[in-house]
Amino acid sequence: MTNHFNRHIEGIDLEFWHDIIESRGELVFLNKGDSVCRFGQRTNKVGYVKSGYLIYTIDGFDRIGGFTFPGALFGDYPNCLHNLPARFDIVAGRKSEVWLMDATVLESLFDSDPTINHHGRQFAQAAYNSLIERYCSLLSGTPSERYQSLIARYPQLEQEVPQKEIAKYLQITPTHLSRIRKEMLGKTQL
């Protein structure tokens, strides 16, 4: 099994979802800072990242809840199914290409097609497990442990995402992250 940063896509048939989204959606080009949805505004978009990455933010860029990298599905799920207000912003972290579709059609697809319903249930379970894993990590891991685990699982993160965004994802200051990195570098040189 591939180790993805976006754990909610492990064990699900991404090609299935990409085909659904591409057959009912459109390819959209985003510049850094462009949004897919904004906190408090109704959202009905679901999709996947073709290139670049998206950031789930709260309070502007003061808090980062997650990143979505190429291949991964995204959306304010399940609010997007019902065109409800978004609970966070989803914005491009850099120039990105994303496939977007109207998520409100998924409800009727779930009801009418048992195969799509099955894949939807698998996705919801994977997304929930990913969320619980993140929550438990925040509650039980020290900032240093969270950083080490993150980099061990997804080593290319530091080449793709600025350090200040990684720090906000870990819910620490960039200065604290710098200290952790310096301490780790010192241990590897011993």
N, C-alpha and C. Protein backbone atom coordinates (compact mmCIF):
# COMPACT_ATOMS: atom_id res chain seq x y z
N MET A 1 0.84 -1.18 0.00
CA MET A 1 0.00 0.00 0.00
C MET A 1 0.88 1.24 0.00
N THR A 2 0.54 2.20 -0.82
CA THR A 2 1.28 3.45 -0.90
C THR A 2 1.00 4.30 0.34
N ASN A 3 2.03 4.94 0.84
CA ASN A 3 1.88 5.84 1.97
C ASN A 3 1.65 7.25 1.44
N HIS A 4 0.45 7.75 1.57
CA HIS A 4 0.09 9.08 1.09
C HIS A 4 0.08 10.06 2.26
N PHE A 5 0.39 11.31 1.96
CA PHE A 5 0.16 12.35 2.98
C PHE A 5 -1.33 12.38 3.31
N ASN A 6 -2.14 12.32 2.26
CA ASN A 6 -3.60 12.35 2.42
C ASN A 6 -4.09 10.93 2.70
N ARG A 7 -4.12 10.57 3.99
CA ARG A 7 -4.46 9.21 4.39
C ARG A 7 -5.88 8.82 3.98
N HIS A 8 -6.75 9.79 3.76
CA HIS A 8 -8.13 9.48 3.41
C HIS A 8 -8.26 8.83 2.02
N ILE A 9 -7.16 8.76 1.27
CA ILE A 9 -7.24 8.11 -0.04
C ILE A 9 -6.59 6.74 -0.06
N GLU A 10 -6.01 6.32 1.07
CA GLU A 10 -5.40 5.00 1.12
C GLU A 10 -6.49 3.93 1.17
N GLY A 11 -6.35 2.96 0.31
CA GLY A 11 -7.29 1.85 0.30
C GLY A 11 -8.57 2.09 -0.49
N ILE A 12 -8.69 3.25 -1.14
CA ILE A 12 -9.86 3.48 -1.97
C ILE A 12 -9.44 3.50 -3.44
N ASP A 13 -10.38 3.29 -4.32
CA ASP A 13 -10.11 3.24 -5.75
C ASP A 13 -10.12 4.66 -6.32
N LEU A 14 -8.94 5.27 -6.35
CA LEU A 14 -8.84 6.66 -6.83
C LEU A 14 -9.24 6.80 -8.29
N GLU A 15 -8.89 5.83 -9.10
CA GLU A 15 -9.23 5.90 -10.52
C GLU A 15 -10.75 5.97 -10.70
N PHE A 16 -11.47 5.22 -9.88
CA PHE A 16 -12.94 5.26 -9.91
C PHE A 16 -13.44 6.69 -9.67
N TRP A 17 -12.92 7.31 -8.60
CA TRP A 17 -13.37 8.66 -8.24
C TRP A 17 -12.91 9.69 -9.27
N HIS A 18 -11.69 9.55 -9.77
CA HIS A 18 -11.21 10.48 -10.79
C HIS A 18 -12.10 10.42 -12.03
N ASP A 19 -12.49 9.21 -12.43
CA ASP A 19 -13.37 9.05 -13.60
C ASP A 19 -14.72 9.71 -13.38
N ILE A 20 -15.30 9.52 -12.19
CA ILE A 20 -16.60 10.14 -11.86
C ILE A 20 -16.48 11.66 -11.96
N ILE A 21 -15.44 12.20 -11.34
CA ILE A 21 -15.27 13.65 -11.29
C ILE A 21 -14.99 14.21 -12.68
N GLU A 22 -14.13 13.57 -13.43
CA GLU A 22 -13.80 14.07 -14.77
C GLU A 22 -15.00 13.98 -15.72
N SER A 23 -15.84 12.94 -15.57
CA SER A 23 -16.98 12.78 -16.47
C SER A 23 -18.11 13.78 -16.16
N ARG A 24 -18.10 14.36 -14.97
CA ARG A 24 -19.17 15.28 -14.58
C ARG A 24 -18.65 16.67 -14.22
N GLY A 25 -17.35 16.88 -14.37
CA GLY A 25 -16.78 18.15 -13.92
C GLY A 25 -15.96 18.84 -14.98
N GLU A 26 -15.10 19.72 -14.49
CA GLU A 26 -14.23 20.48 -15.38
C GLU A 26 -12.87 20.68 -14.74
N LEU A 27 -11.85 20.83 -15.58
CA LEU A 27 -10.50 21.12 -15.12
C LEU A 27 -10.40 22.63 -14.90
N VAL A 28 -9.96 23.03 -13.71
CA VAL A 28 -9.88 24.43 -13.33
C VAL A 28 -8.43 24.75 -12.95
N PHE A 29 -7.97 25.91 -13.39
CA PHE A 29 -6.62 26.37 -13.07
C PHE A 29 -6.73 27.42 -11.97
N LEU A 30 -5.95 27.24 -10.91
CA LEU A 30 -5.96 28.15 -9.77
C LEU A 30 -4.58 28.77 -9.59
N ASN A 31 -4.55 30.03 -9.25
CA ASN A 31 -3.31 30.69 -8.83
C ASN A 31 -3.19 30.58 -7.33
N LYS A 32 -1.99 30.77 -6.81
CA LYS A 32 -1.78 30.74 -5.36
C LYS A 32 -2.79 31.68 -4.69
N GLY A 33 -3.50 31.16 -3.69
CA GLY A 33 -4.47 31.95 -2.94
C GLY A 33 -5.89 31.89 -3.48
N ASP A 34 -6.09 31.40 -4.71
CA ASP A 34 -7.45 31.24 -5.24
C ASP A 34 -8.17 30.18 -4.42
N SER A 35 -9.46 30.37 -4.25
CA SER A 35 -10.20 29.44 -3.39
C SER A 35 -11.15 28.54 -4.16
N VAL A 36 -11.35 27.37 -3.60
CA VAL A 36 -12.38 26.43 -4.06
C VAL A 36 -13.65 26.69 -3.26
N CYS A 37 -13.46 26.95 -1.96
CA CYS A 37 -14.59 27.35 -1.12
C CYS A 37 -14.06 28.24 0.00
N ARG A 38 -14.98 29.02 0.57
CA ARG A 38 -14.64 29.95 1.65
C ARG A 38 -15.53 29.69 2.86
N PHE A 39 -14.93 29.83 4.03
CA PHE A 39 -15.66 29.64 5.28
C PHE A 39 -16.95 30.46 5.27
N GLY A 40 -18.05 29.80 5.65
CA GLY A 40 -19.33 30.48 5.79
C GLY A 40 -20.11 30.65 4.50
N GLN A 41 -19.46 30.43 3.36
CA GLN A 41 -20.16 30.54 2.08
C GLN A 41 -20.58 29.14 1.63
N ARG A 42 -21.74 29.08 1.00
CA ARG A 42 -22.23 27.79 0.52
C ARG A 42 -21.23 27.16 -0.43
N THR A 43 -21.09 25.84 -0.30
CA THR A 43 -20.18 25.11 -1.17
C THR A 43 -20.84 23.85 -1.69
N ASN A 44 -20.62 23.59 -2.97
CA ASN A 44 -21.13 22.36 -3.58
C ASN A 44 -20.04 21.72 -4.43
N LYS A 45 -18.79 22.02 -4.16
CA LYS A 45 -17.69 21.52 -4.98
C LYS A 45 -16.96 20.36 -4.31
N VAL A 46 -16.65 19.38 -5.13
CA VAL A 46 -15.80 18.26 -4.74
C VAL A 46 -14.87 18.03 -5.92
N GLY A 47 -13.69 17.48 -5.67
CA GLY A 47 -12.79 17.25 -6.78
C GLY A 47 -11.53 16.53 -6.36
N TYR A 48 -10.54 16.61 -7.24
CA TYR A 48 -9.23 16.09 -6.91
C TYR A 48 -8.16 16.98 -7.53
N VAL A 49 -6.99 16.95 -6.92
CA VAL A 49 -5.87 17.78 -7.35
C VAL A 49 -5.12 17.06 -8.47
N LYS A 50 -4.97 17.74 -9.58
CA LYS A 50 -4.17 17.19 -10.69
C LYS A 50 -2.70 17.60 -10.53
N SER A 51 -2.46 18.88 -10.20
CA SER A 51 -1.10 19.35 -9.94
C SER A 51 -1.17 20.49 -8.93
N GLY A 52 -0.03 20.72 -8.25
CA GLY A 52 0.00 21.74 -7.20
C GLY A 52 -0.49 21.14 -5.89
N TYR A 53 -1.02 21.99 -5.02
CA TYR A 53 -1.61 21.50 -3.77
C TYR A 53 -2.59 22.53 -3.24
N LEU A 54 -3.53 22.02 -2.44
CA LEU A 54 -4.52 22.87 -1.79
C LEU A 54 -4.28 22.86 -0.29
N ILE A 55 -4.72 23.93 0.36
CA ILE A 55 -4.57 24.08 1.81
C ILE A 55 -5.96 24.26 2.42
N TYR A 56 -6.23 23.50 3.48
CA TYR A 56 -7.44 23.68 4.29
C TYR A 56 -7.06 24.66 5.39
N THR A 57 -7.66 25.85 5.38
CA THR A 57 -7.29 26.87 6.36
C THR A 57 -8.48 27.29 7.20
N ILE A 58 -8.15 27.75 8.38
CA ILE A 58 -9.13 28.32 9.30
C ILE A 58 -8.54 29.65 9.76
N ASP A 59 -9.35 30.69 9.83
CA ASP A 59 -8.87 32.02 10.21
C ASP A 59 -7.82 32.52 9.23
N GLY A 60 -8.14 32.50 7.95
CA GLY A 60 -7.15 32.90 6.96
C GLY A 60 -6.06 31.85 6.94
N PHE A 61 -4.81 32.29 6.97
CA PHE A 61 -3.71 31.32 6.99
C PHE A 61 -3.13 31.17 8.39
N ASP A 62 -3.85 31.63 9.41
CA ASP A 62 -3.35 31.50 10.78
C ASP A 62 -3.32 30.06 11.25
N ARG A 63 -4.25 29.26 10.76
CA ARG A 63 -4.32 27.85 11.15
C ARG A 63 -4.51 27.01 9.90
N ILE A 64 -3.70 25.99 9.77
CA ILE A 64 -3.81 25.09 8.63
C ILE A 64 -4.23 23.73 9.15
N GLY A 65 -5.35 23.23 8.62
CA GLY A 65 -5.86 21.94 9.06
C GLY A 65 -5.40 20.79 8.19
N GLY A 66 -4.98 21.09 6.96
CA GLY A 66 -4.53 20.02 6.09
C GLY A 66 -4.10 20.52 4.73
N PHE A 67 -3.51 19.60 4.00
CA PHE A 67 -3.07 19.85 2.63
C PHE A 67 -3.66 18.74 1.76
N THR A 68 -3.88 19.04 0.49
CA THR A 68 -4.31 18.03 -0.46
C THR A 68 -3.35 18.08 -1.64
N PHE A 69 -2.71 16.94 -1.91
CA PHE A 69 -1.70 16.85 -2.94
C PHE A 69 -2.23 16.11 -4.16
N PRO A 70 -1.46 16.08 -5.26
CA PRO A 70 -1.94 15.46 -6.50
C PRO A 70 -2.52 14.05 -6.29
N GLY A 71 -3.66 13.86 -6.92
CA GLY A 71 -4.38 12.59 -6.85
C GLY A 71 -5.42 12.54 -5.77
N ALA A 72 -5.25 13.32 -4.71
CA ALA A 72 -6.15 13.24 -3.55
C ALA A 72 -7.47 13.96 -3.81
N LEU A 73 -8.52 13.41 -3.23
CA LEU A 73 -9.85 14.00 -3.30
C LEU A 73 -9.94 15.13 -2.27
N PHE A 74 -10.79 16.12 -2.55
CA PHE A 74 -10.99 17.21 -1.60
C PHE A 74 -12.43 17.72 -1.70
N GLY A 75 -12.82 18.41 -0.67
CA GLY A 75 -14.13 19.05 -0.58
C GLY A 75 -14.49 19.20 0.88
N ASP A 76 -15.41 20.07 1.18
CA ASP A 76 -15.91 20.22 2.55
C ASP A 76 -17.02 19.19 2.72
N TYR A 77 -16.59 17.94 2.91
CA TYR A 77 -17.50 16.80 2.96
C TYR A 77 -18.03 16.63 4.37
N PRO A 78 -19.29 16.42 4.61
CA PRO A 78 -20.39 16.22 3.68
C PRO A 78 -21.15 17.50 3.33
N ASN A 79 -20.72 18.66 3.84
CA ASN A 79 -21.46 19.90 3.55
C ASN A 79 -21.62 20.16 2.05
N CYS A 80 -20.60 19.80 1.27
CA CYS A 80 -20.67 20.06 -0.17
C CYS A 80 -21.78 19.26 -0.85
N LEU A 81 -22.18 18.14 -0.25
CA LEU A 81 -23.26 17.33 -0.84
C LEU A 81 -24.59 18.06 -0.80
N HIS A 82 -24.74 18.99 0.14
CA HIS A 82 -26.02 19.66 0.39
C HIS A 82 -25.96 21.16 0.17
N ASN A 83 -24.85 21.65 -0.42
CA ASN A 83 -24.66 23.08 -0.67
C ASN A 83 -24.82 23.90 0.62
N LEU A 84 -24.21 23.40 1.68
CA LEU A 84 -24.24 24.09 2.98
C LEU A 84 -23.02 24.99 3.12
N PRO A 85 -23.02 25.90 4.10
CA PRO A 85 -21.85 26.76 4.31
C PRO A 85 -20.60 25.95 4.64
N ALA A 86 -19.49 26.35 4.06
CA ALA A 86 -18.20 25.69 4.29
C ALA A 86 -17.73 25.94 5.71
N ARG A 87 -17.05 24.96 6.28
CA ARG A 87 -16.51 25.06 7.63
C ARG A 87 -15.08 25.58 7.65
N PHE A 88 -14.49 25.74 6.46
CA PHE A 88 -13.12 26.22 6.34
C PHE A 88 -12.92 26.71 4.92
N ASP A 89 -11.77 27.32 4.66
CA ASP A 89 -11.39 27.72 3.31
C ASP A 89 -10.57 26.59 2.70
N ILE A 90 -10.73 26.38 1.41
CA ILE A 90 -9.83 25.50 0.66
C ILE A 90 -9.23 26.38 -0.43
N VAL A 91 -7.90 26.61 -0.33
CA VAL A 91 -7.23 27.53 -1.24
C VAL A 91 -5.99 26.88 -1.86
N ALA A 92 -5.60 27.38 -3.02
CA ALA A 92 -4.40 26.87 -3.69
C ALA A 92 -3.15 27.35 -2.96
N GLY A 93 -2.25 26.41 -2.66
CA GLY A 93 -0.98 26.75 -2.02
C GLY A 93 0.04 27.28 -3.02
N ARG A 94 -0.18 26.98 -4.28
CA ARG A 94 0.62 27.50 -5.39
C ARG A 94 -0.21 27.29 -6.65
N LYS A 95 0.32 27.66 -7.78
CA LYS A 95 -0.39 27.45 -9.04
C LYS A 95 -0.78 25.97 -9.12
N SER A 96 -2.06 25.71 -9.34
CA SER A 96 -2.56 24.33 -9.27
C SER A 96 -3.60 24.08 -10.35
N GLU A 97 -3.74 22.81 -10.70
CA GLU A 97 -4.81 22.36 -11.57
C GLU A 97 -5.66 21.39 -10.75
N VAL A 98 -6.95 21.62 -10.76
CA VAL A 98 -7.86 20.74 -10.02
C VAL A 98 -9.05 20.38 -10.90
N TRP A 99 -9.55 19.18 -10.70
CA TRP A 99 -10.80 18.78 -11.32
C TRP A 99 -11.89 19.05 -10.30
N LEU A 100 -12.96 19.74 -10.73
CA LEU A 100 -14.08 20.10 -9.86
C LEU A 100 -15.38 19.61 -10.46
N MET A 101 -16.27 19.16 -9.59
CA MET A 101 -17.62 18.83 -10.03
C MET A 101 -18.61 19.28 -8.97
N ASP A 102 -19.88 19.35 -9.34
CA ASP A 102 -20.96 19.69 -8.43
C ASP A 102 -21.23 18.47 -7.55
N ALA A 103 -20.94 18.59 -6.28
CA ALA A 103 -21.08 17.46 -5.35
C ALA A 103 -22.53 17.11 -5.05
N THR A 104 -23.46 18.04 -5.31
CA THR A 104 -24.86 17.75 -4.97
C THR A 104 -25.42 16.60 -5.82
N VAL A 105 -24.79 16.29 -6.96
CA VAL A 105 -25.26 15.16 -7.77
C VAL A 105 -24.88 13.82 -7.15
N LEU A 106 -23.92 13.81 -6.23
CA LEU A 106 -23.49 12.55 -5.62
C LEU A 106 -24.60 11.87 -4.84
N GLU A 107 -25.43 12.64 -4.16
CA GLU A 107 -26.52 12.02 -3.37
C GLU A 107 -27.40 11.14 -4.26
N SER A 108 -27.80 11.65 -5.42
CA SER A 108 -28.65 10.84 -6.30
C SER A 108 -27.86 9.66 -6.87
N LEU A 109 -26.57 9.84 -7.12
CA LEU A 109 -25.75 8.72 -7.59
C LEU A 109 -25.62 7.65 -6.51
N PHE A 110 -25.45 8.06 -5.26
CA PHE A 110 -25.38 7.10 -4.15
C PHE A 110 -26.68 6.29 -4.07
N ASP A 111 -27.82 6.99 -4.26
CA ASP A 111 -29.12 6.33 -4.16
C ASP A 111 -29.41 5.40 -5.33
N SER A 112 -28.92 5.75 -6.51
CA SER A 112 -29.30 5.00 -7.71
C SER A 112 -28.29 3.94 -8.15
N ASP A 113 -27.06 4.01 -7.66
CA ASP A 113 -26.04 3.09 -8.13
C ASP A 113 -25.33 2.44 -6.94
N PRO A 114 -25.58 1.14 -6.71
CA PRO A 114 -24.97 0.46 -5.56
C PRO A 114 -23.43 0.49 -5.58
N THR A 115 -22.83 0.48 -6.77
CA THR A 115 -21.37 0.52 -6.84
C THR A 115 -20.85 1.86 -6.35
N ILE A 116 -21.48 2.94 -6.79
CA ILE A 116 -21.07 4.28 -6.34
C ILE A 116 -21.34 4.42 -4.84
N ASN A 117 -22.45 3.88 -4.38
CA ASN A 117 -22.77 3.92 -2.95
C ASN A 117 -21.68 3.21 -2.15
N HIS A 118 -21.25 2.04 -2.62
CA HIS A 118 -20.20 1.27 -1.95
C HIS A 118 -18.90 2.08 -1.88
N HIS A 119 -18.50 2.67 -3.00
CA HIS A 119 -17.28 3.48 -3.03
C HIS A 119 -17.42 4.71 -2.13
N GLY A 120 -18.60 5.29 -2.10
CA GLY A 120 -18.85 6.44 -1.22
C GLY A 120 -18.71 6.07 0.25
N ARG A 121 -19.21 4.90 0.61
CA ARG A 121 -19.10 4.44 2.00
C ARG A 121 -17.63 4.20 2.36
N GLN A 122 -16.88 3.59 1.42
CA GLN A 122 -15.45 3.36 1.66
C GLN A 122 -14.70 4.68 1.85
N PHE A 123 -15.02 5.65 1.01
CA PHE A 123 -14.37 6.96 1.13
C PHE A 123 -14.70 7.61 2.48
N ALA A 124 -15.97 7.58 2.87
CA ALA A 124 -16.37 8.19 4.15
C ALA A 124 -15.64 7.54 5.32
N GLN A 125 -15.50 6.22 5.29
CA GLN A 125 -14.80 5.53 6.37
C GLN A 125 -13.32 5.91 6.39
N ALA A 126 -12.70 5.96 5.21
CA ALA A 126 -11.28 6.33 5.14
C ALA A 126 -11.07 7.76 5.62
N ALA A 127 -11.97 8.66 5.23
CA ALA A 127 -11.87 10.06 5.64
C ALA A 127 -12.02 10.18 7.16
N TYR A 128 -12.96 9.44 7.73
CA TYR A 128 -13.16 9.47 9.18
C TYR A 128 -11.92 8.94 9.91
N ASN A 129 -11.37 7.83 9.43
CA ASN A 129 -10.17 7.27 10.06
C ASN A 129 -9.01 8.25 9.99
N SER A 130 -8.86 8.94 8.86
CA SER A 130 -7.80 9.93 8.71
C SER A 130 -7.98 11.08 9.70
N LEU A 131 -9.21 11.52 9.85
CA LEU A 131 -9.50 12.61 10.78
C LEU A 131 -9.19 12.21 12.23
N ILE A 132 -9.59 11.01 12.60
CA ILE A 132 -9.33 10.53 13.97
C ILE A 132 -7.83 10.39 14.20
N GLU A 133 -7.10 9.89 13.20
CA GLU A 133 -5.65 9.76 13.34
C GLU A 133 -5.01 11.13 13.57
N ARG A 134 -5.43 12.13 12.83
CA ARG A 134 -4.89 13.49 12.99
C ARG A 134 -5.23 14.04 14.37
N TYR A 135 -6.46 13.85 14.79
CA TYR A 135 -6.91 14.33 16.10
C TYR A 135 -6.10 13.68 17.23
N CYS A 136 -5.93 12.38 17.16
CA CYS A 136 -5.16 11.67 18.20
C CYS A 136 -3.70 12.12 18.20
N SER A 137 -3.14 12.36 17.03
CA SER A 137 -1.76 12.84 16.93
C SER A 137 -1.61 14.19 17.62
N LEU A 138 -2.57 15.09 17.39
CA LEU A 138 -2.51 16.41 18.00
C LEU A 138 -2.63 16.34 19.52
N LEU A 139 -3.42 15.39 20.00
CA LEU A 139 -3.63 15.27 21.44
C LEU A 139 -2.51 14.53 22.17
N SER A 140 -1.90 13.56 21.50
CA SER A 140 -0.96 12.70 22.21
C SER A 140 0.50 12.92 21.85
N GLY A 141 0.79 13.50 20.70
CA GLY A 141 2.18 13.68 20.29
C GLY A 141 2.71 15.05 20.63
N THR A 142 3.98 15.09 20.98
CA THR A 142 4.63 16.38 21.17
C THR A 142 4.84 17.00 19.79
N PRO A 143 5.09 18.29 19.72
CA PRO A 143 5.38 18.89 18.41
C PRO A 143 6.53 18.18 17.68
N SER A 144 7.57 17.82 18.42
CA SER A 144 8.71 17.14 17.81
C SER A 144 8.29 15.77 17.27
N GLU A 145 7.51 15.03 18.03
CA GLU A 145 7.04 13.71 17.58
C GLU A 145 6.14 13.84 16.36
N ARG A 146 5.27 14.85 16.36
CA ARG A 146 4.38 15.05 15.21
C ARG A 146 5.17 15.39 13.96
N TYR A 147 6.18 16.24 14.11
CA TYR A 147 7.01 16.62 12.97
C TYR A 147 7.77 15.41 12.44
N GLN A 148 8.41 14.67 13.33
CA GLN A 148 9.18 13.50 12.91
C GLN A 148 8.30 12.47 12.21
N SER A 149 7.12 12.25 12.73
CA SER A 149 6.18 11.31 12.12
C SER A 149 5.74 11.80 10.74
N LEU A 150 5.47 13.08 10.64
CA LEU A 150 5.03 13.68 9.38
C LEU A 150 6.10 13.55 8.31
N ILE A 151 7.33 13.87 8.65
CA ILE A 151 8.43 13.82 7.68
C ILE A 151 8.79 12.38 7.35
N ALA A 152 8.70 11.48 8.31
CA ALA A 152 8.98 10.07 8.03
C ALA A 152 7.95 9.50 7.05
N ARG A 153 6.71 9.90 7.23
CA ARG A 153 5.63 9.41 6.37
C ARG A 153 5.63 10.07 5.00
N TYR A 154 6.00 11.34 4.94
CA TYR A 154 5.92 12.09 3.70
C TYR A 154 7.16 12.98 3.57
N PRO A 155 8.34 12.38 3.29
CA PRO A 155 9.59 13.14 3.29
C PRO A 155 9.65 14.29 2.30
N GLN A 156 8.93 14.21 1.19
CA GLN A 156 8.99 15.28 0.19
C GLN A 156 8.18 16.52 0.59
N LEU A 157 7.49 16.47 1.71
CA LEU A 157 6.68 17.61 2.16
C LEU A 157 7.52 18.88 2.25
N GLU A 158 8.73 18.77 2.77
CA GLU A 158 9.56 19.97 2.95
C GLU A 158 10.00 20.59 1.63
N GLN A 159 9.98 19.83 0.55
CA GLN A 159 10.30 20.38 -0.76
C GLN A 159 9.07 20.99 -1.42
N GLU A 160 7.88 20.59 -0.99
CA GLU A 160 6.64 21.03 -1.63
C GLU A 160 5.94 22.18 -0.92
N VAL A 161 6.16 22.29 0.39
CA VAL A 161 5.40 23.23 1.22
C VAL A 161 6.36 24.09 2.04
N PRO A 162 6.13 25.41 2.09
CA PRO A 162 6.99 26.27 2.91
C PRO A 162 6.95 25.87 4.40
N GLN A 163 8.09 26.08 5.07
CA GLN A 163 8.21 25.72 6.49
C GLN A 163 7.14 26.39 7.35
N LYS A 164 6.80 27.64 7.05
CA LYS A 164 5.79 28.32 7.87
C LYS A 164 4.43 27.63 7.77
N GLU A 165 4.11 27.04 6.61
CA GLU A 165 2.85 26.31 6.47
C GLU A 165 2.91 24.98 7.22
N ILE A 166 4.07 24.32 7.18
CA ILE A 166 4.23 23.07 7.94
C ILE A 166 4.06 23.36 9.43
N ALA A 167 4.66 24.45 9.89
CA ALA A 167 4.55 24.83 11.31
C ALA A 167 3.08 25.05 11.69
N LYS A 168 2.34 25.76 10.86
CA LYS A 168 0.93 26.02 11.16
C LYS A 168 0.12 24.73 11.15
N TYR A 169 0.46 23.81 10.26
CA TYR A 169 -0.21 22.50 10.23
C TYR A 169 0.06 21.75 11.54
N LEU A 170 1.29 21.85 12.04
CA LEU A 170 1.65 21.19 13.30
C LEU A 170 1.15 21.94 14.53
N GLN A 171 0.60 23.13 14.30
CA GLN A 171 0.09 24.02 15.34
C GLN A 171 1.19 24.49 16.29
N ILE A 172 2.30 24.87 15.66
CA ILE A 172 3.41 25.47 16.39
C ILE A 172 3.89 26.69 15.59
N THR A 173 4.76 27.47 16.19
CA THR A 173 5.29 28.64 15.48
C THR A 173 6.42 28.20 14.55
N PRO A 174 6.70 28.99 13.52
CA PRO A 174 7.85 28.68 12.66
C PRO A 174 9.17 28.63 13.45
N THR A 175 9.29 29.46 14.47
CA THR A 175 10.50 29.45 15.31
C THR A 175 10.64 28.12 16.04
N HIS A 176 9.53 27.62 16.57
CA HIS A 176 9.55 26.32 17.26
C HIS A 176 9.95 25.22 16.29
N LEU A 177 9.40 25.25 15.09
CA LEU A 177 9.75 24.24 14.08
C LEU A 177 11.25 24.32 13.75
N SER A 178 11.76 25.52 13.64
CA SER A 178 13.18 25.69 13.36
C SER A 178 14.03 25.06 14.45
N ARG A 179 13.63 25.24 15.71
CA ARG A 179 14.36 24.63 16.84
C ARG A 179 14.31 23.10 16.76
N ILE A 180 13.13 22.57 16.44
CA ILE A 180 12.99 21.11 16.33
C ILE A 180 13.90 20.59 15.22
N ARG A 181 13.91 21.26 14.10
CA ARG A 181 14.74 20.82 12.96
C ARG A 181 16.22 20.91 13.31
N LYS A 182 16.61 21.97 14.01
CA LYS A 182 18.00 22.15 14.42
C LYS A 182 18.41 21.03 15.39
N GLU A 183 17.53 20.72 16.33
CA GLU A 183 17.80 19.66 17.30
C GLU A 183 17.94 18.31 16.59
N MET A 184 17.07 18.04 15.63
CA MET A 184 17.14 16.77 14.89
C MET A 184 18.44 16.71 14.08
N LEU A 185 18.84 17.82 13.48
CA LEU A 185 20.07 17.86 12.69
C LEU A 185 21.27 17.60 13.60
N GLY A 186 21.25 18.17 14.80
CA GLY A 186 22.33 17.95 15.76
C GLY A 186 22.44 16.49 16.16
N LYS A 187 21.31 15.80 16.31
CA LYS A 187 21.33 14.38 16.70
C LYS A 187 21.86 13.50 15.56
N THR A 188 21.58 13.88 14.32
CA THR A 188 22.06 13.06 13.19
C THR A 188 23.54 13.25 12.95
N GLN A 189 24.11 14.36 13.44
CA GLN A 189 25.54 14.60 13.23
C GLN A 189 26.40 13.98 14.31
N LEU A 190 25.79 13.44 15.35
CA LEU A 190 26.56 12.79 16.43
C LEU A 190 27.10 11.46 16.05
